[in-house]
Amino acid sequence: MNIYVANISFRAREQDLKELFEQYGEVSSVKIVTDRETGRSRGFGFIEMTNDSEGKQAISQLNGVDFNQRNLVVNEARPSKG
């Protein structure tokens, strides 16, 4: 399951998110999207979890949770248009 995460603190690292989501199941990848020119986090990213039911549990448990002083927005990622 591909999960979209928004409102990520600019201080958060991919490893931090991986550890947070691993509480709910196996995480196969984590990607925080960065600005191409500055390399700075854009405040959102994607988590790939191997099990859909674990992914759904992570979404329901982590949406709105305070993480590094920011309330995360966590949803199932929509397929890209392109």
PDB file of N, CA and C in Angstrom:
ATOM      1  N   MET A   1       0.843  -1.178   0.000  1.00  0.00           N
ATOM      2  CA  MET A   1       0.000   0.000   0.000  1.00  0.00           C
ATOM      3  C   MET A   1       0.881   1.232   0.000  1.00  0.00           C
ATOM      4  N   ASN A   2       0.539   2.198  -0.849  1.00  0.00           N
ATOM      5  CA  ASN A   2       1.266   3.451  -0.933  1.00  0.00           C
ATOM      6  C   ASN A   2       0.512   4.492  -0.113  1.00  0.00           C
ATOM      7  N   ILE A   3       1.204   5.144   0.812  1.00  0.00           N
ATOM      8  CA  ILE A   3       0.594   6.096   1.739  1.00  0.00           C
ATOM      9  C   ILE A   3       1.210   7.471   1.522  1.00  0.00           C
ATOM     10  N   TYR A   4       0.344   8.482   1.421  1.00  0.00           N
ATOM     11  CA  TYR A   4       0.763   9.875   1.275  1.00  0.00           C
ATOM     12  C   TYR A   4       0.795  10.510   2.659  1.00  0.00           C
ATOM     13  N   VAL A   5       1.886  11.192   2.985  1.00  0.00           N
ATOM     14  CA  VAL A   5       2.026  11.861   4.279  1.00  0.00           C
ATOM     15  C   VAL A   5       2.366  13.321   4.029  1.00  0.00           C
ATOM     16  N   ALA A   6       1.554  14.212   4.587  1.00  0.00           N
ATOM     17  CA  ALA A   6       1.779  15.658   4.422  1.00  0.00           C
ATOM     18  C   ALA A   6       1.994  16.303   5.790  1.00  0.00           C
ATOM     19  N   ASN A   7       2.434  17.555   5.756  1.00  0.00           N
ATOM     20  CA  ASN A   7       2.698  18.370   6.944  1.00  0.00           C
ATOM     21  C   ASN A   7       3.852  17.775   7.764  1.00  0.00           C
ATOM     22  N   ILE A   8       4.842  17.231   7.047  1.00  0.00           N
ATOM     23  CA  ILE A   8       6.026  16.670   7.701  1.00  0.00           C
ATOM     24  C   ILE A   8       6.950  17.816   8.090  1.00  0.00           C
ATOM     25  N   SER A   9       7.453  17.774   9.306  1.00  0.00           N
ATOM     26  CA  SER A   9       8.416  18.767   9.764  1.00  0.00           C
ATOM     27  C   SER A   9       9.625  18.779   8.829  1.00  0.00           C
ATOM     28  N   PHE A  10      10.160  19.970   8.569  1.00  0.00           N
ATOM     29  CA  PHE A  10      11.336  20.073   7.706  1.00  0.00           C
ATOM     30  C   PHE A  10      12.564  19.427   8.362  1.00  0.00           C
ATOM     31  N   ARG A  11      12.516  19.208   9.686  1.00  0.00           N
ATOM     32  CA  ARG A  11      13.628  18.578  10.407  1.00  0.00           C
ATOM     33  C   ARG A  11      13.559  17.052  10.350  1.00  0.00           C
ATOM     34  N   ALA A  12      12.412  16.493   9.975  1.00  0.00           N
ATOM     35  CA  ALA A  12      12.237  15.036   9.977  1.00  0.00           C
ATOM     36  C   ALA A  12      13.085  14.387   8.885  1.00  0.00           C
ATOM     37  N   ARG A  13      13.592  13.211   9.209  1.00  0.00           N
ATOM     38  CA  ARG A  13      14.359  12.434   8.237  1.00  0.00           C
ATOM     39  C   ARG A  13      13.534  11.220   7.822  1.00  0.00           C
ATOM     40  N   GLU A  14      13.906  10.618   6.705  1.00  0.00           N
ATOM     41  CA  GLU A  14      13.194   9.428   6.228  1.00  0.00           C
ATOM     42  C   GLU A  14      13.242   8.313   7.271  1.00  0.00           C
ATOM     43  N   GLN A  15      14.370   8.166   7.953  1.00  0.00           N
ATOM     44  CA  GLN A  15      14.497   7.133   8.983  1.00  0.00           C
ATOM     45  C   GLN A  15      13.494   7.370  10.117  1.00  0.00           C
ATOM     46  N   ASP A  16      13.250   8.633  10.480  1.00  0.00           N
ATOM     47  CA  ASP A  16      12.277   8.957  11.532  1.00  0.00           C
ATOM     48  C   ASP A  16      10.879   8.476  11.138  1.00  0.00           C
ATOM     49  N   LEU A  17      10.500   8.749   9.890  1.00  0.00           N
ATOM     50  CA  LEU A  17       9.181   8.311   9.414  1.00  0.00           C
ATOM     51  C   LEU A  17       9.095   6.790   9.351  1.00  0.00           C
ATOM     52  N   LYS A  18      10.179   6.165   8.905  1.00  0.00           N
ATOM     53  CA  LYS A  18      10.183   4.702   8.826  1.00  0.00           C
ATOM     54  C   LYS A  18       9.922   4.096  10.199  1.00  0.00           C
ATOM     55  N   GLU A  19      10.601   4.607  11.211  1.00  0.00           N
ATOM     56  CA  GLU A  19      10.431   4.089  12.564  1.00  0.00           C
ATOM     57  C   GLU A  19       9.008   4.311  13.066  1.00  0.00           C
ATOM     58  N   LEU A  20       8.423   5.446  12.738  1.00  0.00           N
ATOM     59  CA  LEU A  20       7.050   5.739  13.151  1.00  0.00           C
ATOM     60  C   LEU A  20       6.070   4.750  12.525  1.00  0.00           C
ATOM     61  N   PHE A  21       6.190   4.505  11.235  1.00  0.00           N
ATOM     62  CA  PHE A  21       5.261   3.627  10.531  1.00  0.00           C
ATOM     63  C   PHE A  21       5.529   2.147  10.822  1.00  0.00           C
ATOM     64  N   GLU A  22       6.760   1.797  11.174  1.00  0.00           N
ATOM     65  CA  GLU A  22       7.073   0.396  11.476  1.00  0.00           C
ATOM     66  C   GLU A  22       6.345  -0.107  12.724  1.00  0.00           C
ATOM     67  N   GLN A  23       5.798   0.791  13.516  1.00  0.00           N
ATOM     68  CA  GLN A  23       5.004   0.374  14.675  1.00  0.00           C
ATOM     69  C   GLN A  23       3.754  -0.388  14.226  1.00  0.00           C
ATOM     70  N   TYR A  24       3.362  -0.213  12.969  1.00  0.00           N
ATOM     71  CA  TYR A  24       2.128  -0.811  12.450  1.00  0.00           C
ATOM     72  C   TYR A  24       2.371  -1.932  11.448  1.00  0.00           C
ATOM     73  N   GLY A  25       3.609  -2.147  11.033  1.00  0.00           N
ATOM     74  CA  GLY A  25       3.890  -3.215  10.090  1.00  0.00           C
ATOM     75  C   GLY A  25       5.165  -2.958   9.313  1.00  0.00           C
ATOM     76  N   GLU A  26       5.407  -3.816   8.332  1.00  0.00           N
ATOM     77  CA  GLU A  26       6.637  -3.747   7.532  1.00  0.00           C
ATOM     78  C   GLU A  26       6.583  -2.596   6.538  1.00  0.00           C
ATOM     79  N   VAL A  27       7.611  -1.765   6.570  1.00  0.00           N
ATOM     80  CA  VAL A  27       7.744  -0.630   5.648  1.00  0.00           C
ATOM     81  C   VAL A  27       8.769  -1.010   4.593  1.00  0.00           C
ATOM     82  N   SER A  28       8.359  -0.958   3.315  1.00  0.00           N
ATOM     83  CA  SER A  28       9.311  -1.327   2.264  1.00  0.00           C
ATOM     84  C   SER A  28      10.067  -0.130   1.701  1.00  0.00           C
ATOM     85  N   SER A  29       9.484   1.093   1.785  1.00  0.00           N
ATOM     86  CA  SER A  29      10.226   2.276   1.344  1.00  0.00           C
ATOM     87  C   SER A  29       9.640   3.544   1.956  1.00  0.00           C
ATOM     88  N   VAL A  30      10.503   4.542   2.067  1.00  0.00           N
ATOM     89  CA  VAL A  30      10.121   5.861   2.571  1.00  0.00           C
ATOM     90  C   VAL A  30      10.778   6.889   1.671  1.00  0.00           C
ATOM     91  N   LYS A  31      10.007   7.886   1.249  1.00  0.00           N
ATOM     92  CA  LYS A  31      10.563   8.947   0.400  1.00  0.00           C
ATOM     93  C   LYS A  31       9.973  10.282   0.822  1.00  0.00           C
ATOM     94  N   ILE A  32      10.816  11.176   1.348  1.00  0.00           N
ATOM     95  CA  ILE A  32      10.400  12.557   1.599  1.00  0.00           C
ATOM     96  C   ILE A  32      10.769  13.339   0.343  1.00  0.00           C
ATOM     97  N   VAL A  33       9.791  14.023  -0.232  1.00  0.00           N
ATOM     98  CA  VAL A  33      10.014  14.768  -1.471  1.00  0.00           C
ATOM     99  C   VAL A  33      10.798  16.043  -1.152  1.00  0.00           C
ATOM    100  N   THR A  34      11.846  16.295  -1.951  1.00  0.00           N
ATOM    101  CA  THR A  34      12.690  17.475  -1.743  1.00  0.00           C
ATOM    102  C   THR A  34      12.650  18.388  -2.956  1.00  0.00           C
ATOM    103  N   ASP A  35      12.942  19.643  -2.716  1.00  0.00           N
ATOM    104  CA  ASP A  35      13.032  20.635  -3.780  1.00  0.00           C
ATOM    105  C   ASP A  35      14.274  20.333  -4.614  1.00  0.00           C
ATOM    106  N   ARG A  36      14.140  20.311  -5.927  1.00  0.00           N
ATOM    107  CA  ARG A  36      15.267  19.962  -6.812  1.00  0.00           C
ATOM    108  C   ARG A  36      16.419  20.949  -6.709  1.00  0.00           C
ATOM    109  N   GLU A  37      16.096  22.236  -6.535  1.00  0.00           N
ATOM    110  CA  GLU A  37      17.155  23.250  -6.529  1.00  0.00           C
ATOM    111  C   GLU A  37      17.851  23.368  -5.177  1.00  0.00           C
ATOM    112  N   THR A  38      17.083  23.352  -4.082  1.00  0.00           N
ATOM    113  CA  THR A  38      17.670  23.575  -2.764  1.00  0.00           C
ATOM    114  C   THR A  38      17.957  22.292  -2.001  1.00  0.00           C
ATOM    115  N   GLY A  39      17.310  21.183  -2.388  1.00  0.00           N
ATOM    116  CA  GLY A  39      17.472  19.942  -1.659  1.00  0.00           C
ATOM    117  C   GLY A  39      16.705  19.908  -0.351  1.00  0.00           C
ATOM    118  N   ARG A  40      15.962  20.968  -0.059  1.00  0.00           N
ATOM    119  CA  ARG A  40      15.195  21.067   1.184  1.00  0.00           C
ATOM    120  C   ARG A  40      13.879  20.292   1.067  1.00  0.00           C
ATOM    121  N   SER A  41      13.455  19.710   2.171  1.00  0.00           N
ATOM    122  CA  SER A  41      12.189  18.980   2.209  1.00  0.00           C
ATOM    123  C   SER A  41      11.041  19.886   1.782  1.00  0.00           C
ATOM    124  N   ARG A  42      10.081  19.310   1.047  1.00  0.00           N
ATOM    125  CA  ARG A  42       8.893  20.061   0.649  1.00  0.00           C
ATOM    126  C   ARG A  42       7.740  19.812   1.614  1.00  0.00           C
ATOM    127  N   GLY A  43       7.991  19.013   2.669  1.00  0.00           N
ATOM    128  CA  GLY A  43       6.997  18.825   3.716  1.00  0.00           C
ATOM    129  C   GLY A  43       6.004  17.710   3.459  1.00  0.00           C
ATOM    130  N   PHE A  44       6.255  16.881   2.441  1.00  0.00           N
ATOM    131  CA  PHE A  44       5.393  15.730   2.213  1.00  0.00           C
ATOM    132  C   PHE A  44       6.215  14.579   1.657  1.00  0.00           C
ATOM    133  N   GLY A  45       5.614  13.392   1.708  1.00  0.00           N
ATOM    134  CA  GLY A  45       6.330  12.228   1.210  1.00  0.00           C
ATOM    135  C   GLY A  45       5.423  11.025   1.079  1.00  0.00           C
ATOM    136  N   PHE A  46       6.040   9.881   0.832  1.00  0.00           N
ATOM    137  CA  PHE A  46       5.305   8.643   0.592  1.00  0.00           C
ATOM    138  C   PHE A  46       5.939   7.503   1.379  1.00  0.00           C
ATOM    139  N   ILE A  47       5.080   6.672   1.931  1.00  0.00           N
ATOM    140  CA  ILE A  47       5.492   5.472   2.651  1.00  0.00           C
ATOM    141  C   ILE A  47       4.887   4.292   1.899  1.00  0.00           C
ATOM    142  N   GLU A  48       5.677   3.279   1.644  1.00  0.00           N
ATOM    143  CA  GLU A  48       5.177   2.049   1.014  1.00  0.00           C
ATOM    144  C   GLU A  48       5.201   0.964   2.077  1.00  0.00           C
ATOM    145  N   MET A  49       4.016   0.386   2.332  1.00  0.00           N
ATOM    146  CA  MET A  49       3.915  -0.718   3.284  1.00  0.00           C
ATOM    147  C   MET A  49       3.512  -1.975   2.521  1.00  0.00           C
ATOM    148  N   THR A  50       4.061  -3.122   2.923  1.00  0.00           N
ATOM    149  CA  THR A  50       3.847  -4.356   2.177  1.00  0.00           C
ATOM    150  C   THR A  50       2.457  -4.948   2.381  1.00  0.00           C
ATOM    151  N   ASN A  51       1.814  -4.650   3.506  1.00  0.00           N
ATOM    152  CA  ASN A  51       0.524  -5.251   3.836  1.00  0.00           C
ATOM    153  C   ASN A  51      -0.559  -4.174   3.875  1.00  0.00           C
ATOM    154  N   ASP A  52      -1.628  -4.339   3.076  1.00  0.00           N
ATOM    155  CA  ASP A  52      -2.686  -3.328   3.002  1.00  0.00           C
ATOM    156  C   ASP A  52      -3.386  -3.102   4.330  1.00  0.00           C
ATOM    157  N   SER A  53      -3.676  -4.174   5.077  1.00  0.00           N
ATOM    158  CA  SER A  53      -4.396  -3.982   6.336  1.00  0.00           C
ATOM    159  C   SER A  53      -3.532  -3.242   7.357  1.00  0.00           C
ATOM    160  N   GLU A  54      -2.230  -3.511   7.366  1.00  0.00           N
ATOM    161  CA  GLU A  54      -1.328  -2.771   8.249  1.00  0.00           C
ATOM    162  C   GLU A  54      -1.235  -1.305   7.812  1.00  0.00           C
ATOM    163  N   GLY A  55      -1.219  -1.086   6.494  1.00  0.00           N
ATOM    164  CA  GLY A  55      -1.196   0.282   5.973  1.00  0.00           C
ATOM    165  C   GLY A  55      -2.436   1.061   6.384  1.00  0.00           C
ATOM    166  N   LYS A  56      -3.595   0.418   6.288  1.00  0.00           N
ATOM    167  CA  LYS A  56      -4.845   1.082   6.677  1.00  0.00           C
ATOM    168  C   LYS A  56      -4.861   1.391   8.166  1.00  0.00           C
ATOM    169  N   GLN A  57      -4.321   0.503   8.968  1.00  0.00           N
ATOM    170  CA  GLN A  57      -4.240   0.755  10.404  1.00  0.00           C
ATOM    171  C   GLN A  57      -3.303   1.934  10.683  1.00  0.00           C
ATOM    172  N   ALA A  58      -2.173   1.976   9.995  1.00  0.00           N
ATOM    173  CA  ALA A  58      -1.230   3.091  10.164  1.00  0.00           C
ATOM    174  C   ALA A  58      -1.898   4.414   9.793  1.00  0.00           C
ATOM    175  N   ILE A  59      -2.655   4.426   8.691  1.00  0.00           N
ATOM    176  CA  ILE A  59      -3.356   5.643   8.271  1.00  0.00           C
ATOM    177  C   ILE A  59      -4.322   6.094   9.362  1.00  0.00           C
ATOM    178  N   SER A  60      -5.141   5.178   9.858  1.00  0.00           N
ATOM    179  CA  SER A  60      -6.146   5.568  10.847  1.00  0.00           C
ATOM    180  C   SER A  60      -5.507   5.996  12.167  1.00  0.00           C
ATOM    181  N   GLN A  61      -4.389   5.389  12.543  1.00  0.00           N
ATOM    182  CA  GLN A  61      -3.750   5.719  13.813  1.00  0.00           C
ATOM    183  C   GLN A  61      -2.862   6.969  13.749  1.00  0.00           C
ATOM    184  N   LEU A  62      -2.284   7.256  12.584  1.00  0.00           N
ATOM    185  CA  LEU A  62      -1.296   8.334  12.494  1.00  0.00           C
ATOM    186  C   LEU A  62      -1.841   9.631  11.903  1.00  0.00           C
ATOM    187  N   ASN A  63      -3.002   9.600  11.262  1.00  0.00           N
ATOM    188  CA  ASN A  63      -3.562  10.833  10.711  1.00  0.00           C
ATOM    189  C   ASN A  63      -3.888  11.793  11.858  1.00  0.00           C
ATOM    190  N   GLY A  64      -3.298  12.982  11.826  1.00  0.00           N
ATOM    191  CA  GLY A  64      -3.534  13.990  12.857  1.00  0.00           C
ATOM    192  C   GLY A  64      -2.599  13.909  14.049  1.00  0.00           C
ATOM    193  N   VAL A  65      -1.715  12.909  14.081  1.00  0.00           N
ATOM    194  CA  VAL A  65      -0.792  12.739  15.202  1.00  0.00           C
ATOM    195  C   VAL A  65       0.317  13.793  15.151  1.00  0.00           C
ATOM    196  N   ASP A  66       0.706  14.308  16.321  1.00  0.00           N
ATOM    197  CA  ASP A  66       1.806  15.261  16.428  1.00  0.00           C
ATOM    198  C   ASP A  66       3.123  14.511  16.230  1.00  0.00           C
ATOM    199  N   PHE A  67       3.879  14.921  15.225  1.00  0.00           N
ATOM    200  CA  PHE A  67       5.179  14.332  14.919  1.00  0.00           C
ATOM    201  C   PHE A  67       6.144  15.472  14.668  1.00  0.00           C
ATOM    202  N   ASN A  68       7.131  15.639  15.547  1.00  0.00           N
ATOM    203  CA  ASN A  68       8.077  16.768  15.463  1.00  0.00           C
ATOM    204  C   ASN A  68       7.349  18.110  15.425  1.00  0.00           C
ATOM    205  N   GLN A  69       6.344  18.249  16.274  1.00  0.00           N
ATOM    206  CA  GLN A  69       5.578  19.481  16.458  1.00  0.00           C
ATOM    207  C   GLN A  69       4.755  19.881  15.238  1.00  0.00           C
ATOM    208  N   ARG A  70       4.403  18.904  14.413  1.00  0.00           N
ATOM    209  CA  ARG A  70       3.504  19.122  13.271  1.00  0.00           C
ATOM    210  C   ARG A  70       2.474  18.001  13.277  1.00  0.00           C
ATOM    211  N   ASN A  71       1.209  18.323  13.008  1.00  0.00           N
ATOM    212  CA  ASN A  71       0.171  17.300  12.932  1.00  0.00           C
ATOM    213  C   ASN A  71       0.176  16.690  11.530  1.00  0.00           C
ATOM    214  N   LEU A  72       0.540  15.427  11.453  1.00  0.00           N
ATOM    215  CA  LEU A  72       0.632  14.739  10.162  1.00  0.00           C
ATOM    216  C   LEU A  72      -0.735  14.595   9.507  1.00  0.00           C
ATOM    217  N   VAL A  73      -0.751  14.677   8.186  1.00  0.00           N
ATOM    218  CA  VAL A  73      -1.926  14.351   7.376  1.00  0.00           C
ATOM    219  C   VAL A  73      -1.556  13.077   6.633  1.00  0.00           C
ATOM    220  N   VAL A  74      -2.286  11.984   6.904  1.00  0.00           N
ATOM    221  CA  VAL A  74      -1.924  10.676   6.366  1.00  0.00           C
ATOM    222  C   VAL A  74      -3.132  10.102   5.617  1.00  0.00           C
ATOM    223  N   ASN A  75      -2.945   9.776   4.338  1.00  0.00           N
ATOM    224  CA  ASN A  75      -4.008   9.225   3.484  1.00  0.00           C
ATOM    225  C   ASN A  75      -3.432   8.148   2.576  1.00  0.00           C
ATOM    226  N   GLU A  76      -4.321   7.346   2.016  1.00  0.00           N
ATOM    227  CA  GLU A  76      -3.875   6.422   0.982  1.00  0.00           C
ATOM    228  C   GLU A  76      -3.521   7.273  -0.247  1.00  0.00           C
ATOM    229  N   ALA A  77      -2.364   7.008  -0.825  1.00  0.00           N
ATOM    230  CA  ALA A  77      -1.914   7.793  -1.992  1.00  0.00           C
ATOM    231  C   ALA A  77      -2.786   7.474  -3.191  1.00  0.00           C
ATOM    232  N   ARG A  78      -3.104   8.497  -3.966  1.00  0.00           N
ATOM    233  CA  ARG A  78      -3.853   8.306  -5.212  1.00  0.00           C
ATOM    234  C   ARG A  78      -2.872   7.977  -6.324  1.00  0.00           C
ATOM    235  N   PRO A  79      -3.289   7.182  -7.292  1.00  0.00           N
ATOM    236  CA  PRO A  79      -2.396   6.891  -8.426  1.00  0.00           C
ATOM    237  C   PRO A  79      -2.008   8.188  -9.147  1.00  0.00           C
ATOM    238  N   SER A  80      -0.761   8.261  -9.607  1.00  0.00           N
ATOM    239  CA  SER A  80      -0.335   9.457 -10.325  1.00  0.00           C
ATOM    240  C   SER A  80      -1.006   9.521 -11.689  1.00  0.00           C
ATOM    241  N   LYS A  81      -1.238  10.764 -12.143  1.00  0.00           N
ATOM    242  CA  LYS A  81      -1.854  10.980 -13.464  1.00  0.00           C
ATOM    243  C   LYS A  81      -0.743  11.198 -14.471  1.00  0.00           C
ATOM    244  N   GLY A  82      -0.373  10.210 -15.161  1.00  0.00           N
ATOM    245  CA  GLY A  82       0.661  10.446 -16.135  1.00  0.00           C
ATOM    246  C   GLY A  82       1.276   9.219 -16.542  1.00  0.00           C
TER     247      GLY A  82
END
